[in-house]
């Protein structure tokens, strides 16, 4: 009888956000894009000071609001109700984008439809069915932040790989992404392309390669 392989323990959206949050360095100023990245605010490790910026004009954003009493005037860029940490500040959109374009963000986390092995990223849509059917501030963030990490599903709903050799969708930025967090793996993006830093339990190298539309290198021990 052939031994059954272990089932793949894919991460859900909250787990993807928590995995990325665990790598954010103490003291960094971080912008959270719409989608999975917004969940990072709820997943910052206890005791770690991270200054979260929201492009609609918040510096010092906290986790999502919970409970029966909701303040409808405090929202993030995705129109979700959020909290403010002690010392937080609120300001005009123009000041927010001066921070972004001025290179004052240590990190930006963005969702993505596609990421290419050279770091190109496509993350916007003009479909009226989407919650945010426009470019938004992603282009400014992609070039203004010192680092860009993408948080996304490894494959689209139809099974198509979202990590590819070359993006087929309109680009948000060229050569901007340095790390990718998916439901299956964590990958670095460098001059040689995608390097797998870790995989979820139950996943093999061969299966990950099948689910990726670009060549993969593997870090030692993966």
N, C-alpha and C. Protein backbone atom coordinates (compact mmCIF):
# COMPACT_ATOMS: atom_id res chain seq x y z
N UNK A 1 0.85 -1.19 0.00
CA UNK A 1 0.00 0.00 0.00
C UNK A 1 0.89 1.25 0.00
N UNK A 2 0.56 2.21 -0.87
CA UNK A 2 1.34 3.43 -0.97
C UNK A 2 1.00 4.36 0.19
N UNK A 3 2.02 4.88 0.84
CA UNK A 3 1.81 5.77 1.97
C UNK A 3 1.26 7.11 1.49
N UNK A 4 0.22 7.60 2.14
CA UNK A 4 -0.38 8.87 1.78
C UNK A 4 0.52 10.02 2.24
N UNK A 5 0.68 11.03 1.38
CA UNK A 5 1.46 12.21 1.78
C UNK A 5 0.62 13.07 2.70
N UNK A 6 1.29 13.90 3.49
CA UNK A 6 0.58 14.78 4.41
C UNK A 6 -0.19 15.84 3.64
N UNK A 7 -1.38 16.23 4.08
CA UNK A 7 -2.13 17.29 3.39
C UNK A 7 -1.41 18.62 3.50
N UNK A 8 -1.57 19.43 2.48
CA UNK A 8 -0.95 20.76 2.47
C UNK A 8 -1.69 21.66 3.45
N UNK A 9 -0.98 22.25 4.38
CA UNK A 9 -1.57 23.13 5.38
C UNK A 9 -1.46 24.58 4.94
N UNK A 10 -2.26 24.92 3.93
CA UNK A 10 -2.23 26.28 3.38
C UNK A 10 -2.68 27.29 4.43
N UNK A 11 -2.09 28.47 4.38
CA UNK A 11 -2.47 29.54 5.30
C UNK A 11 -3.73 30.23 4.80
N UNK A 12 -4.61 30.62 5.73
CA UNK A 12 -5.73 31.47 5.35
C UNK A 12 -5.25 32.92 5.33
N UNK A 13 -6.15 33.84 5.00
CA UNK A 13 -5.75 35.23 4.84
C UNK A 13 -5.20 35.83 6.13
N UNK A 14 -5.82 35.49 7.26
CA UNK A 14 -5.33 35.99 8.54
C UNK A 14 -3.93 35.46 8.84
N UNK A 15 -3.68 34.20 8.49
CA UNK A 15 -2.37 33.60 8.74
C UNK A 15 -1.29 34.20 7.84
N UNK A 16 -1.66 34.54 6.60
CA UNK A 16 -0.70 35.22 5.72
C UNK A 16 -0.30 36.55 6.34
N UNK A 17 -1.30 37.29 6.82
CA UNK A 17 -1.03 38.59 7.44
C UNK A 17 -0.17 38.44 8.68
N UNK A 18 -0.46 37.43 9.50
CA UNK A 18 0.31 37.22 10.73
C UNK A 18 1.74 36.83 10.41
N UNK A 19 1.93 36.02 9.36
CA UNK A 19 3.30 35.62 8.99
C UNK A 19 4.12 36.83 8.55
N UNK A 20 3.52 37.70 7.76
CA UNK A 20 4.23 38.91 7.34
C UNK A 20 4.48 39.83 8.53
N UNK A 21 3.50 39.95 9.42
CA UNK A 21 3.65 40.82 10.59
C UNK A 21 4.83 40.40 11.45
N UNK A 22 5.07 39.09 11.53
CA UNK A 22 6.16 38.59 12.37
C UNK A 22 7.54 39.03 11.87
N UNK A 23 7.63 39.43 10.59
CA UNK A 23 8.91 39.84 10.02
C UNK A 23 9.12 41.36 10.03
N UNK A 24 8.11 42.11 10.44
CA UNK A 24 8.26 43.57 10.46
C UNK A 24 9.17 43.97 11.63
N UNK A 25 10.11 44.79 11.34
CA UNK A 25 11.16 45.15 12.30
C UNK A 25 10.65 46.21 13.28
N UNK A 26 11.06 46.07 14.52
CA UNK A 26 10.74 47.05 15.56
C UNK A 26 11.08 48.47 15.10
N UNK A 27 10.09 49.38 15.24
CA UNK A 27 10.33 50.78 14.92
C UNK A 27 10.04 51.19 13.49
N UNK A 28 9.72 50.23 12.62
CA UNK A 28 9.44 50.59 11.23
C UNK A 28 8.13 51.36 11.10
N UNK A 29 8.09 52.25 10.12
CA UNK A 29 6.86 52.93 9.72
C UNK A 29 6.32 52.19 8.50
N UNK A 30 5.09 51.69 8.59
CA UNK A 30 4.57 50.74 7.60
C UNK A 30 3.21 51.18 7.09
N UNK A 31 3.04 51.13 5.76
CA UNK A 31 1.73 51.38 5.16
C UNK A 31 1.10 50.04 4.80
N UNK A 32 -0.21 49.92 5.07
CA UNK A 32 -0.94 48.70 4.78
C UNK A 32 -1.91 48.94 3.63
N UNK A 33 -1.74 48.18 2.55
CA UNK A 33 -2.65 48.29 1.43
C UNK A 33 -3.96 47.61 1.71
N UNK A 34 -4.89 47.70 0.75
CA UNK A 34 -6.22 47.11 0.88
C UNK A 34 -6.15 45.60 0.69
N UNK A 35 -7.02 44.87 1.37
CA UNK A 35 -7.06 43.42 1.26
C UNK A 35 -6.36 42.76 2.43
N UNK A 36 -5.60 41.71 2.15
CA UNK A 36 -4.90 40.97 3.21
C UNK A 36 -4.02 41.90 4.05
N UNK A 37 -3.31 42.88 3.45
CA UNK A 37 -2.45 43.73 4.27
C UNK A 37 -3.16 44.45 5.42
N UNK A 38 -4.44 44.80 5.27
CA UNK A 38 -5.12 45.49 6.36
C UNK A 38 -5.19 44.64 7.62
N UNK A 39 -5.14 43.32 7.46
CA UNK A 39 -5.21 42.41 8.61
C UNK A 39 -3.93 42.42 9.44
N UNK A 40 -2.86 42.97 8.88
CA UNK A 40 -1.58 43.01 9.59
C UNK A 40 -1.69 43.86 10.86
N UNK A 41 -2.54 44.89 10.84
CA UNK A 41 -2.70 45.75 12.01
C UNK A 41 -3.16 44.96 13.23
N UNK A 42 -3.91 43.89 13.00
CA UNK A 42 -4.40 43.05 14.10
C UNK A 42 -3.40 41.98 14.51
N UNK A 43 -2.29 41.87 13.77
CA UNK A 43 -1.38 40.74 13.96
C UNK A 43 0.03 41.15 14.38
N UNK A 44 0.26 42.45 14.65
CA UNK A 44 1.58 42.87 15.10
C UNK A 44 1.89 42.17 16.42
N UNK A 45 3.04 41.51 16.54
CA UNK A 45 3.36 40.80 17.78
C UNK A 45 3.30 41.70 19.01
N UNK A 46 2.79 41.17 20.08
CA UNK A 46 2.65 41.93 21.32
C UNK A 46 4.00 42.47 21.78
N UNK A 47 4.03 43.74 22.13
CA UNK A 47 5.26 44.36 22.62
C UNK A 47 6.14 44.94 21.54
N UNK A 48 5.83 44.70 20.27
CA UNK A 48 6.65 45.24 19.18
C UNK A 48 6.05 46.57 18.72
N UNK A 49 6.85 47.61 18.71
CA UNK A 49 6.37 48.94 18.31
C UNK A 49 6.53 49.11 16.81
N UNK A 50 5.40 49.18 16.12
CA UNK A 50 5.37 49.42 14.67
C UNK A 50 4.42 50.58 14.42
N UNK A 51 4.86 51.57 13.67
CA UNK A 51 4.06 52.76 13.40
C UNK A 51 3.36 52.56 12.06
N UNK A 52 2.03 52.37 12.11
CA UNK A 52 1.28 52.07 10.89
C UNK A 52 0.68 53.35 10.33
N UNK A 53 0.92 53.55 9.03
CA UNK A 53 0.42 54.72 8.31
C UNK A 53 -0.68 54.27 7.35
N UNK A 54 -1.76 55.03 7.30
CA UNK A 54 -2.82 54.78 6.33
C UNK A 54 -2.90 55.98 5.39
N UNK A 55 -2.98 55.73 4.10
CA UNK A 55 -2.82 56.81 3.12
C UNK A 55 -3.93 57.84 3.17
N UNK A 56 -5.06 57.51 3.84
CA UNK A 56 -6.12 58.51 3.97
C UNK A 56 -5.84 59.51 5.08
N UNK A 57 -4.69 59.38 5.77
CA UNK A 57 -4.27 60.42 6.71
C UNK A 57 -4.19 60.01 8.16
N UNK A 58 -3.64 58.82 8.43
CA UNK A 58 -3.44 58.36 9.80
C UNK A 58 -1.99 57.93 9.98
N UNK A 59 -1.41 58.31 11.09
CA UNK A 59 -0.12 57.78 11.50
C UNK A 59 -0.28 57.32 12.95
N UNK A 60 -0.08 56.02 13.19
CA UNK A 60 -0.33 55.45 14.50
C UNK A 60 -1.64 54.68 14.55
N UNK A 61 -1.98 54.03 13.43
CA UNK A 61 -3.22 53.26 13.36
C UNK A 61 -3.08 51.97 14.15
N UNK A 62 -4.17 51.59 14.84
CA UNK A 62 -4.19 50.36 15.61
C UNK A 62 -5.05 49.29 14.96
N UNK A 63 -5.40 48.26 15.73
CA UNK A 63 -6.23 47.17 15.20
C UNK A 63 -7.63 47.64 14.83
N UNK A 64 -8.39 46.73 14.21
CA UNK A 64 -9.76 47.03 13.83
C UNK A 64 -10.62 47.28 15.07
N UNK A 65 -11.64 48.10 14.90
CA UNK A 65 -12.59 48.35 15.99
C UNK A 65 -13.46 47.10 16.20
N UNK A 66 -13.70 46.76 17.45
CA UNK A 66 -14.58 45.65 17.79
C UNK A 66 -15.53 46.11 18.90
N UNK A 67 -16.61 45.36 19.06
CA UNK A 67 -17.56 45.70 20.12
C UNK A 67 -18.80 46.38 19.57
N UNK A 68 -19.63 46.81 20.48
CA UNK A 68 -20.91 47.39 20.11
C UNK A 68 -20.84 48.87 19.75
N UNK A 69 -19.80 49.55 20.22
CA UNK A 69 -19.67 50.98 19.97
C UNK A 69 -18.59 51.21 18.91
N UNK A 70 -19.01 51.65 17.73
CA UNK A 70 -18.11 51.88 16.61
C UNK A 70 -18.07 53.37 16.30
N UNK A 71 -16.86 53.91 16.18
CA UNK A 71 -16.70 55.30 15.76
C UNK A 71 -16.61 55.32 14.24
N UNK A 72 -17.66 55.76 13.53
CA UNK A 72 -17.68 55.70 12.07
C UNK A 72 -16.73 56.68 11.39
N UNK A 73 -16.13 57.58 12.17
CA UNK A 73 -15.24 58.58 11.58
C UNK A 73 -13.79 58.12 11.51
N UNK A 74 -13.49 56.97 12.10
CA UNK A 74 -12.10 56.49 12.09
C UNK A 74 -12.03 55.25 11.21
N UNK A 75 -11.55 55.43 9.99
CA UNK A 75 -11.46 54.33 9.02
C UNK A 75 -10.08 54.32 8.37
N UNK A 76 -9.70 53.17 7.84
CA UNK A 76 -8.46 53.08 7.09
C UNK A 76 -8.74 53.32 5.61
N UNK A 77 -7.72 53.13 4.77
CA UNK A 77 -7.89 53.40 3.34
C UNK A 77 -8.87 52.46 2.67
N UNK A 78 -9.14 51.32 3.29
CA UNK A 78 -10.12 50.38 2.77
C UNK A 78 -11.51 50.58 3.34
N UNK A 79 -11.73 51.71 4.04
CA UNK A 79 -13.02 52.06 4.64
C UNK A 79 -13.44 51.11 5.76
N UNK A 80 -12.46 50.47 6.39
CA UNK A 80 -12.73 49.61 7.55
C UNK A 80 -12.54 50.42 8.82
N UNK A 81 -13.37 50.16 9.81
CA UNK A 81 -13.28 50.88 11.09
C UNK A 81 -12.05 50.41 11.86
N UNK A 82 -11.22 51.35 12.26
CA UNK A 82 -9.97 51.03 12.94
C UNK A 82 -9.83 51.86 14.21
N UNK A 83 -8.84 51.52 15.00
CA UNK A 83 -8.55 52.26 16.23
C UNK A 83 -7.32 53.13 16.04
N UNK A 84 -7.11 54.03 16.96
CA UNK A 84 -5.92 54.88 16.99
C UNK A 84 -5.12 54.56 18.25
N UNK A 85 -3.83 54.39 18.10
CA UNK A 85 -2.97 54.14 19.25
C UNK A 85 -2.64 55.45 19.95
N UNK A 86 -2.25 55.41 21.22
CA UNK A 86 -1.86 56.65 21.92
C UNK A 86 -0.77 57.39 21.15
N UNK A 87 -0.98 58.68 20.94
CA UNK A 87 -0.01 59.48 20.20
C UNK A 87 -0.26 59.53 18.71
N UNK A 88 -1.31 58.87 18.22
CA UNK A 88 -1.60 58.88 16.79
C UNK A 88 -1.93 60.29 16.31
N UNK A 89 -1.72 60.52 15.02
CA UNK A 89 -2.04 61.82 14.44
C UNK A 89 -2.87 61.63 13.18
N UNK A 90 -3.70 62.65 12.89
CA UNK A 90 -4.55 62.67 11.71
C UNK A 90 -4.18 63.88 10.88
N UNK A 91 -4.18 63.72 9.56
CA UNK A 91 -3.73 64.82 8.71
C UNK A 91 -4.33 64.71 7.32
N UNK A 92 -4.08 65.74 6.52
CA UNK A 92 -4.62 65.86 5.18
C UNK A 92 -4.00 64.81 4.25
N UNK A 93 -4.78 64.47 3.21
CA UNK A 93 -4.28 63.55 2.19
C UNK A 93 -2.96 64.01 1.59
N UNK A 94 -2.83 65.31 1.37
CA UNK A 94 -1.61 65.83 0.76
C UNK A 94 -0.39 65.57 1.65
N UNK A 95 -0.57 65.71 2.96
CA UNK A 95 0.54 65.42 3.88
C UNK A 95 0.85 63.93 3.89
N UNK A 96 -0.18 63.11 3.78
CA UNK A 96 0.03 61.67 3.74
C UNK A 96 0.88 61.28 2.53
N UNK A 97 0.55 61.84 1.38
CA UNK A 97 1.30 61.49 0.18
C UNK A 97 2.67 62.15 0.15
N UNK A 98 2.85 63.23 0.89
CA UNK A 98 4.20 63.79 1.04
C UNK A 98 5.08 62.80 1.80
N UNK A 99 4.51 62.14 2.81
CA UNK A 99 5.25 61.08 3.52
C UNK A 99 5.61 59.95 2.57
N UNK A 100 4.61 59.51 1.79
CA UNK A 100 4.80 58.37 0.89
C UNK A 100 5.84 58.69 -0.18
N UNK A 101 5.64 59.81 -0.86
CA UNK A 101 6.53 60.15 -1.98
C UNK A 101 7.89 60.63 -1.51
N UNK A 102 7.97 61.06 -0.25
CA UNK A 102 9.24 61.55 0.28
C UNK A 102 10.16 60.47 0.80
N UNK A 103 9.76 59.21 0.69
CA UNK A 103 10.63 58.11 1.11
C UNK A 103 10.67 57.90 2.61
N UNK A 104 9.60 58.28 3.32
CA UNK A 104 9.60 58.19 4.78
C UNK A 104 9.03 56.88 5.31
N UNK A 105 8.53 56.01 4.43
CA UNK A 105 7.99 54.73 4.86
C UNK A 105 9.06 53.65 4.74
N UNK A 106 9.24 52.89 5.82
CA UNK A 106 10.20 51.79 5.77
C UNK A 106 9.69 50.62 4.95
N UNK A 107 8.36 50.46 4.92
CA UNK A 107 7.78 49.28 4.29
C UNK A 107 6.36 49.58 3.85
N UNK A 108 5.99 49.03 2.70
CA UNK A 108 4.60 49.01 2.27
C UNK A 108 4.20 47.56 1.99
N UNK A 109 3.03 47.18 2.46
CA UNK A 109 2.47 45.85 2.18
C UNK A 109 1.31 46.02 1.22
N UNK A 110 1.38 45.34 0.08
CA UNK A 110 0.33 45.45 -0.92
C UNK A 110 -0.19 44.06 -1.30
N UNK A 111 -1.48 43.98 -1.60
CA UNK A 111 -2.00 42.80 -2.26
C UNK A 111 -1.59 42.84 -3.72
N UNK A 112 -1.77 41.72 -4.43
CA UNK A 112 -1.36 41.70 -5.83
C UNK A 112 -2.14 40.65 -6.62
N UNK A 113 -2.41 40.98 -7.89
CA UNK A 113 -2.96 40.01 -8.82
C UNK A 113 -1.84 39.18 -9.45
N UNK A 114 -0.70 39.81 -9.68
CA UNK A 114 0.48 39.11 -10.21
C UNK A 114 1.75 39.76 -9.68
N UNK A 115 2.75 38.93 -9.44
CA UNK A 115 4.10 39.40 -9.15
C UNK A 115 5.05 38.63 -10.05
N UNK A 116 5.94 39.33 -10.73
CA UNK A 116 6.89 38.69 -11.63
C UNK A 116 8.22 38.43 -10.92
N UNK A 117 8.99 37.53 -11.50
CA UNK A 117 10.25 37.12 -10.88
C UNK A 117 11.28 38.24 -10.85
N UNK A 118 11.07 39.33 -11.60
CA UNK A 118 11.97 40.49 -11.53
C UNK A 118 11.46 41.57 -10.58
N UNK A 119 10.36 41.27 -9.85
CA UNK A 119 9.82 42.23 -8.89
C UNK A 119 8.73 43.13 -9.42
N UNK A 120 8.36 42.99 -10.69
CA UNK A 120 7.23 43.75 -11.21
C UNK A 120 5.95 43.31 -10.48
N UNK A 121 5.02 44.25 -10.31
CA UNK A 121 3.77 43.93 -9.59
C UNK A 121 2.59 44.55 -10.32
N UNK A 122 1.50 43.78 -10.40
CA UNK A 122 0.23 44.26 -10.94
C UNK A 122 -0.82 44.07 -9.86
N UNK A 123 -1.40 45.17 -9.39
CA UNK A 123 -2.32 45.02 -8.25
C UNK A 123 -3.57 45.89 -8.36
N UNK A 124 -3.88 46.43 -9.54
CA UNK A 124 -5.05 47.29 -9.62
C UNK A 124 -5.99 46.81 -10.72
N UNK A 125 -7.24 47.24 -10.61
CA UNK A 125 -8.27 46.82 -11.56
C UNK A 125 -9.24 47.97 -11.76
N UNK A 126 -9.86 48.02 -12.94
CA UNK A 126 -10.91 49.01 -13.19
C UNK A 126 -12.29 48.38 -13.23
N UNK A 127 -12.41 47.13 -12.75
CA UNK A 127 -13.70 46.45 -12.73
C UNK A 127 -14.62 47.09 -11.70
N UNK A 128 -15.85 47.37 -12.11
CA UNK A 128 -16.81 47.99 -11.19
C UNK A 128 -17.23 47.03 -10.09
N UNK A 129 -16.93 45.73 -10.26
CA UNK A 129 -17.29 44.75 -9.24
C UNK A 129 -16.31 44.76 -8.08
N UNK A 130 -15.14 45.36 -8.26
CA UNK A 130 -14.15 45.38 -7.20
C UNK A 130 -14.48 46.45 -6.18
N UNK A 131 -14.04 46.18 -4.93
CA UNK A 131 -14.33 47.12 -3.85
C UNK A 131 -13.57 48.43 -4.03
N UNK A 132 -12.40 48.36 -4.62
CA UNK A 132 -11.61 49.57 -4.87
C UNK A 132 -11.18 49.57 -6.33
N UNK A 133 -12.11 49.88 -7.25
CA UNK A 133 -11.82 49.73 -8.68
C UNK A 133 -11.02 50.89 -9.26
N UNK A 134 -9.79 51.04 -8.82
CA UNK A 134 -8.95 52.12 -9.31
C UNK A 134 -7.51 51.86 -8.88
N UNK A 135 -6.61 52.67 -9.38
CA UNK A 135 -5.20 52.53 -9.03
C UNK A 135 -4.97 52.89 -7.56
N UNK A 136 -5.68 53.91 -7.07
CA UNK A 136 -5.46 54.33 -5.69
C UNK A 136 -4.06 54.87 -5.50
N UNK A 137 -3.50 54.66 -4.30
CA UNK A 137 -2.16 55.16 -4.01
C UNK A 137 -1.07 54.13 -4.23
N UNK A 138 -1.42 52.99 -4.84
CA UNK A 138 -0.46 51.89 -4.94
C UNK A 138 0.80 52.26 -5.71
N UNK A 139 0.64 53.03 -6.78
CA UNK A 139 1.81 53.39 -7.59
C UNK A 139 2.77 54.28 -6.79
N UNK A 140 2.21 55.22 -6.04
CA UNK A 140 3.05 56.07 -5.21
C UNK A 140 3.75 55.26 -4.13
N UNK A 141 3.00 54.36 -3.51
CA UNK A 141 3.56 53.53 -2.44
C UNK A 141 4.65 52.61 -2.96
N UNK A 142 4.43 52.03 -4.14
CA UNK A 142 5.38 51.07 -4.67
C UNK A 142 6.74 51.68 -4.95
N UNK A 143 6.75 52.94 -5.34
CA UNK A 143 8.03 53.59 -5.64
C UNK A 143 8.53 54.46 -4.49
N UNK A 144 7.62 54.85 -3.57
CA UNK A 144 8.03 55.73 -2.49
C UNK A 144 8.54 55.03 -1.25
N UNK A 145 7.99 53.84 -0.94
CA UNK A 145 8.42 53.11 0.25
C UNK A 145 9.80 52.49 0.03
N UNK A 146 10.53 52.34 1.10
CA UNK A 146 11.88 51.77 0.99
C UNK A 146 11.86 50.29 0.66
N UNK A 147 10.77 49.61 1.04
CA UNK A 147 10.61 48.18 0.75
C UNK A 147 9.16 47.92 0.39
N UNK A 148 8.94 46.95 -0.49
CA UNK A 148 7.59 46.56 -0.85
C UNK A 148 7.47 45.04 -0.75
N UNK A 149 6.53 44.59 0.09
CA UNK A 149 6.21 43.17 0.21
C UNK A 149 4.80 42.95 -0.30
N UNK A 150 4.58 41.86 -1.01
CA UNK A 150 3.24 41.52 -1.50
C UNK A 150 2.66 40.37 -0.68
N UNK A 151 1.40 40.52 -0.29
CA UNK A 151 0.66 39.49 0.46
C UNK A 151 -0.49 39.05 -0.44
N UNK A 152 -0.55 37.75 -0.76
CA UNK A 152 -1.47 37.32 -1.81
C UNK A 152 -1.67 35.81 -1.77
N UNK A 153 -2.68 35.34 -2.49
CA UNK A 153 -2.83 33.91 -2.73
C UNK A 153 -1.81 33.49 -3.78
N UNK A 154 -1.33 32.25 -3.66
CA UNK A 154 -0.32 31.78 -4.61
C UNK A 154 -0.90 31.60 -6.00
N UNK A 155 -2.17 31.20 -6.06
CA UNK A 155 -2.85 30.99 -7.34
C UNK A 155 -4.19 31.71 -7.35
N UNK A 156 -4.68 32.02 -8.54
CA UNK A 156 -6.00 32.62 -8.69
C UNK A 156 -7.07 31.56 -8.47
N UNK A 157 -8.31 31.98 -8.41
CA UNK A 157 -9.40 31.04 -8.15
C UNK A 157 -9.52 29.97 -9.23
N UNK A 158 -9.11 30.30 -10.45
CA UNK A 158 -9.17 29.31 -11.52
C UNK A 158 -7.93 28.44 -11.59
N UNK A 159 -7.04 28.57 -10.61
CA UNK A 159 -5.83 27.77 -10.55
C UNK A 159 -4.64 28.37 -11.26
N UNK A 160 -4.81 29.48 -11.92
CA UNK A 160 -3.71 30.13 -12.64
C UNK A 160 -2.67 30.67 -11.66
N UNK A 161 -1.38 30.42 -11.91
CA UNK A 161 -0.34 30.97 -11.03
C UNK A 161 -0.35 32.49 -11.03
N UNK A 162 -0.15 33.06 -9.85
CA UNK A 162 -0.06 34.52 -9.73
C UNK A 162 1.38 34.99 -9.58
N UNK A 163 2.30 34.04 -9.36
CA UNK A 163 3.73 34.33 -9.40
C UNK A 163 4.23 33.86 -10.76
N UNK A 164 4.72 34.79 -11.55
CA UNK A 164 4.96 34.53 -12.97
C UNK A 164 6.33 35.06 -13.40
N UNK A 165 6.74 34.66 -14.61
CA UNK A 165 7.98 35.20 -15.17
C UNK A 165 7.79 36.64 -15.63
N UNK A 166 6.63 36.92 -16.21
CA UNK A 166 6.34 38.27 -16.69
C UNK A 166 4.85 38.55 -16.45
N UNK A 167 4.53 39.70 -15.88
CA UNK A 167 3.14 40.05 -15.63
C UNK A 167 2.39 40.25 -16.95
N UNK A 168 1.16 39.75 -17.00
CA UNK A 168 0.31 39.95 -18.17
C UNK A 168 -0.71 41.06 -17.94
N UNK A 169 -0.88 41.47 -16.70
CA UNK A 169 -1.81 42.54 -16.36
C UNK A 169 -1.08 43.89 -16.32
N UNK A 170 -1.81 45.01 -16.41
CA UNK A 170 -1.17 46.32 -16.34
C UNK A 170 -0.37 46.49 -15.05
N UNK A 171 0.85 46.99 -15.17
CA UNK A 171 1.74 47.07 -14.03
C UNK A 171 1.39 48.23 -13.10
N UNK A 172 1.62 47.98 -11.82
CA UNK A 172 1.60 49.03 -10.81
C UNK A 172 2.98 49.65 -10.69
N UNK A 173 4.01 48.80 -10.69
CA UNK A 173 5.39 49.28 -10.59
C UNK A 173 6.33 48.21 -11.14
N UNK A 174 7.49 48.64 -11.57
CA UNK A 174 8.50 47.74 -12.10
C UNK A 174 9.58 47.47 -11.06
N UNK A 175 9.94 46.22 -10.90
CA UNK A 175 11.07 45.85 -10.06
C UNK A 175 10.98 46.30 -8.62
N UNK A 176 9.76 46.39 -8.08
CA UNK A 176 9.57 46.99 -6.75
C UNK A 176 9.49 45.97 -5.62
N UNK A 177 8.97 44.78 -5.89
CA UNK A 177 8.70 43.81 -4.82
C UNK A 177 9.98 43.09 -4.42
N UNK A 178 10.25 43.02 -3.10
CA UNK A 178 11.43 42.32 -2.61
C UNK A 178 11.07 41.04 -1.86
N UNK A 179 9.80 40.89 -1.48
CA UNK A 179 9.39 39.68 -0.76
C UNK A 179 7.91 39.43 -1.02
N UNK A 180 7.54 38.13 -1.05
CA UNK A 180 6.15 37.73 -1.29
C UNK A 180 5.73 36.74 -0.22
N UNK A 181 4.55 36.98 0.36
CA UNK A 181 3.95 36.07 1.34
C UNK A 181 2.66 35.53 0.73
N UNK A 182 2.58 34.21 0.56
CA UNK A 182 1.38 33.62 0.00
C UNK A 182 0.82 32.59 0.98
N UNK A 183 -0.28 31.97 0.57
CA UNK A 183 -0.88 30.92 1.39
C UNK A 183 -0.03 29.66 1.42
N UNK A 184 0.99 29.59 0.55
CA UNK A 184 1.82 28.38 0.46
C UNK A 184 3.28 28.59 0.83
N UNK A 185 3.78 29.80 0.72
CA UNK A 185 5.22 29.99 0.88
C UNK A 185 5.57 31.45 1.18
N UNK A 186 6.82 31.62 1.59
CA UNK A 186 7.44 32.95 1.69
C UNK A 186 8.60 32.95 0.72
N UNK A 187 8.65 33.96 -0.14
CA UNK A 187 9.67 34.00 -1.18
C UNK A 187 10.36 35.36 -1.20
N UNK A 188 11.66 35.35 -1.40
CA UNK A 188 12.41 36.57 -1.65
C UNK A 188 12.46 36.79 -3.15
N UNK A 189 12.54 38.06 -3.57
CA UNK A 189 12.66 38.40 -4.98
C UNK A 189 13.97 39.14 -5.17
N UNK A 190 14.87 38.53 -5.94
CA UNK A 190 16.19 39.12 -6.12
C UNK A 190 16.61 39.09 -7.57
N UNK A 191 17.86 39.42 -7.86
CA UNK A 191 18.36 39.44 -9.24
C UNK A 191 18.18 38.11 -9.97
N UNK A 192 18.20 37.00 -9.22
CA UNK A 192 18.06 35.68 -9.85
C UNK A 192 16.61 35.20 -9.88
N UNK A 193 15.67 36.02 -9.41
CA UNK A 193 14.27 35.63 -9.44
C UNK A 193 13.75 35.24 -8.07
N UNK A 194 12.79 34.34 -8.04
CA UNK A 194 12.16 33.91 -6.80
C UNK A 194 13.04 32.91 -6.05
N UNK A 195 13.24 33.17 -4.76
CA UNK A 195 13.91 32.22 -3.88
C UNK A 195 12.96 31.87 -2.74
N UNK A 196 12.65 30.60 -2.60
CA UNK A 196 11.73 30.15 -1.56
C UNK A 196 12.46 30.13 -0.22
N UNK A 197 11.92 30.89 0.75
CA UNK A 197 12.52 30.94 2.08
C UNK A 197 11.87 29.94 3.03
N UNK A 198 10.58 29.66 2.81
CA UNK A 198 9.89 28.64 3.60
C UNK A 198 8.63 28.20 2.88
N UNK A 199 8.19 26.99 3.17
CA UNK A 199 6.95 26.45 2.63
C UNK A 199 6.08 25.98 3.78
N UNK A 200 4.77 25.93 3.54
CA UNK A 200 3.86 25.44 4.57
C UNK A 200 4.03 23.92 4.71
N UNK A 201 3.69 23.38 5.88
CA UNK A 201 3.79 21.93 6.08
C UNK A 201 2.95 21.16 5.06
N UNK A 202 3.50 20.03 4.62
CA UNK A 202 2.80 19.17 3.67
C UNK A 202 3.06 19.48 2.22
N UNK A 203 3.71 20.60 1.94
CA UNK A 203 3.98 21.01 0.56
C UNK A 203 5.38 20.56 0.14
N UNK A 204 5.50 20.01 -1.06
CA UNK A 204 6.79 19.59 -1.58
C UNK A 204 7.33 20.63 -2.55
N UNK A 205 8.63 20.57 -2.79
CA UNK A 205 9.23 21.46 -3.78
C UNK A 205 8.59 21.27 -5.14
N UNK A 206 8.37 20.01 -5.51
CA UNK A 206 7.83 19.71 -6.83
C UNK A 206 6.44 20.32 -7.00
N UNK A 207 5.60 20.19 -5.97
CA UNK A 207 4.24 20.73 -6.08
C UNK A 207 4.26 22.25 -6.12
N UNK A 208 5.13 22.89 -5.34
CA UNK A 208 5.21 24.34 -5.37
C UNK A 208 5.66 24.83 -6.75
N UNK A 209 6.59 24.12 -7.35
CA UNK A 209 7.04 24.49 -8.70
C UNK A 209 5.89 24.38 -9.71
N UNK A 210 5.05 23.35 -9.55
CA UNK A 210 3.90 23.18 -10.44
C UNK A 210 2.91 24.33 -10.31
N UNK A 211 2.81 24.90 -9.12
CA UNK A 211 1.83 25.95 -8.84
C UNK A 211 2.38 27.35 -9.08
N UNK A 212 3.61 27.44 -9.56
CA UNK A 212 4.28 28.73 -9.78
C UNK A 212 4.61 28.87 -11.25
N UNK A 213 4.35 30.06 -11.80
CA UNK A 213 4.57 30.30 -13.21
C UNK A 213 5.94 30.85 -13.54
N UNK A 214 6.93 30.56 -12.69
CA UNK A 214 8.30 31.03 -12.91
C UNK A 214 9.24 30.06 -12.20
N UNK A 215 10.50 30.00 -12.65
CA UNK A 215 11.47 29.13 -11.97
C UNK A 215 11.67 29.53 -10.51
N UNK A 216 11.93 28.52 -9.67
CA UNK A 216 12.14 28.75 -8.24
C UNK A 216 13.51 28.24 -7.83
N UNK A 217 14.17 29.03 -6.99
CA UNK A 217 15.35 28.55 -6.26
C UNK A 217 14.90 28.36 -4.82
N UNK A 218 15.63 27.52 -4.08
CA UNK A 218 15.25 27.21 -2.70
C UNK A 218 16.40 27.53 -1.76
N UNK A 219 16.11 28.28 -0.71
CA UNK A 219 17.11 28.60 0.28
C UNK A 219 17.56 27.31 0.98
N UNK A 220 18.77 27.28 1.49
CA UNK A 220 19.25 26.07 2.19
C UNK A 220 18.30 25.67 3.32
N UNK A 221 18.00 24.41 3.37
CA UNK A 221 17.15 23.88 4.44
C UNK A 221 15.68 23.89 4.17
N UNK A 222 15.27 24.45 3.02
CA UNK A 222 13.83 24.49 2.70
C UNK A 222 13.45 23.18 2.02
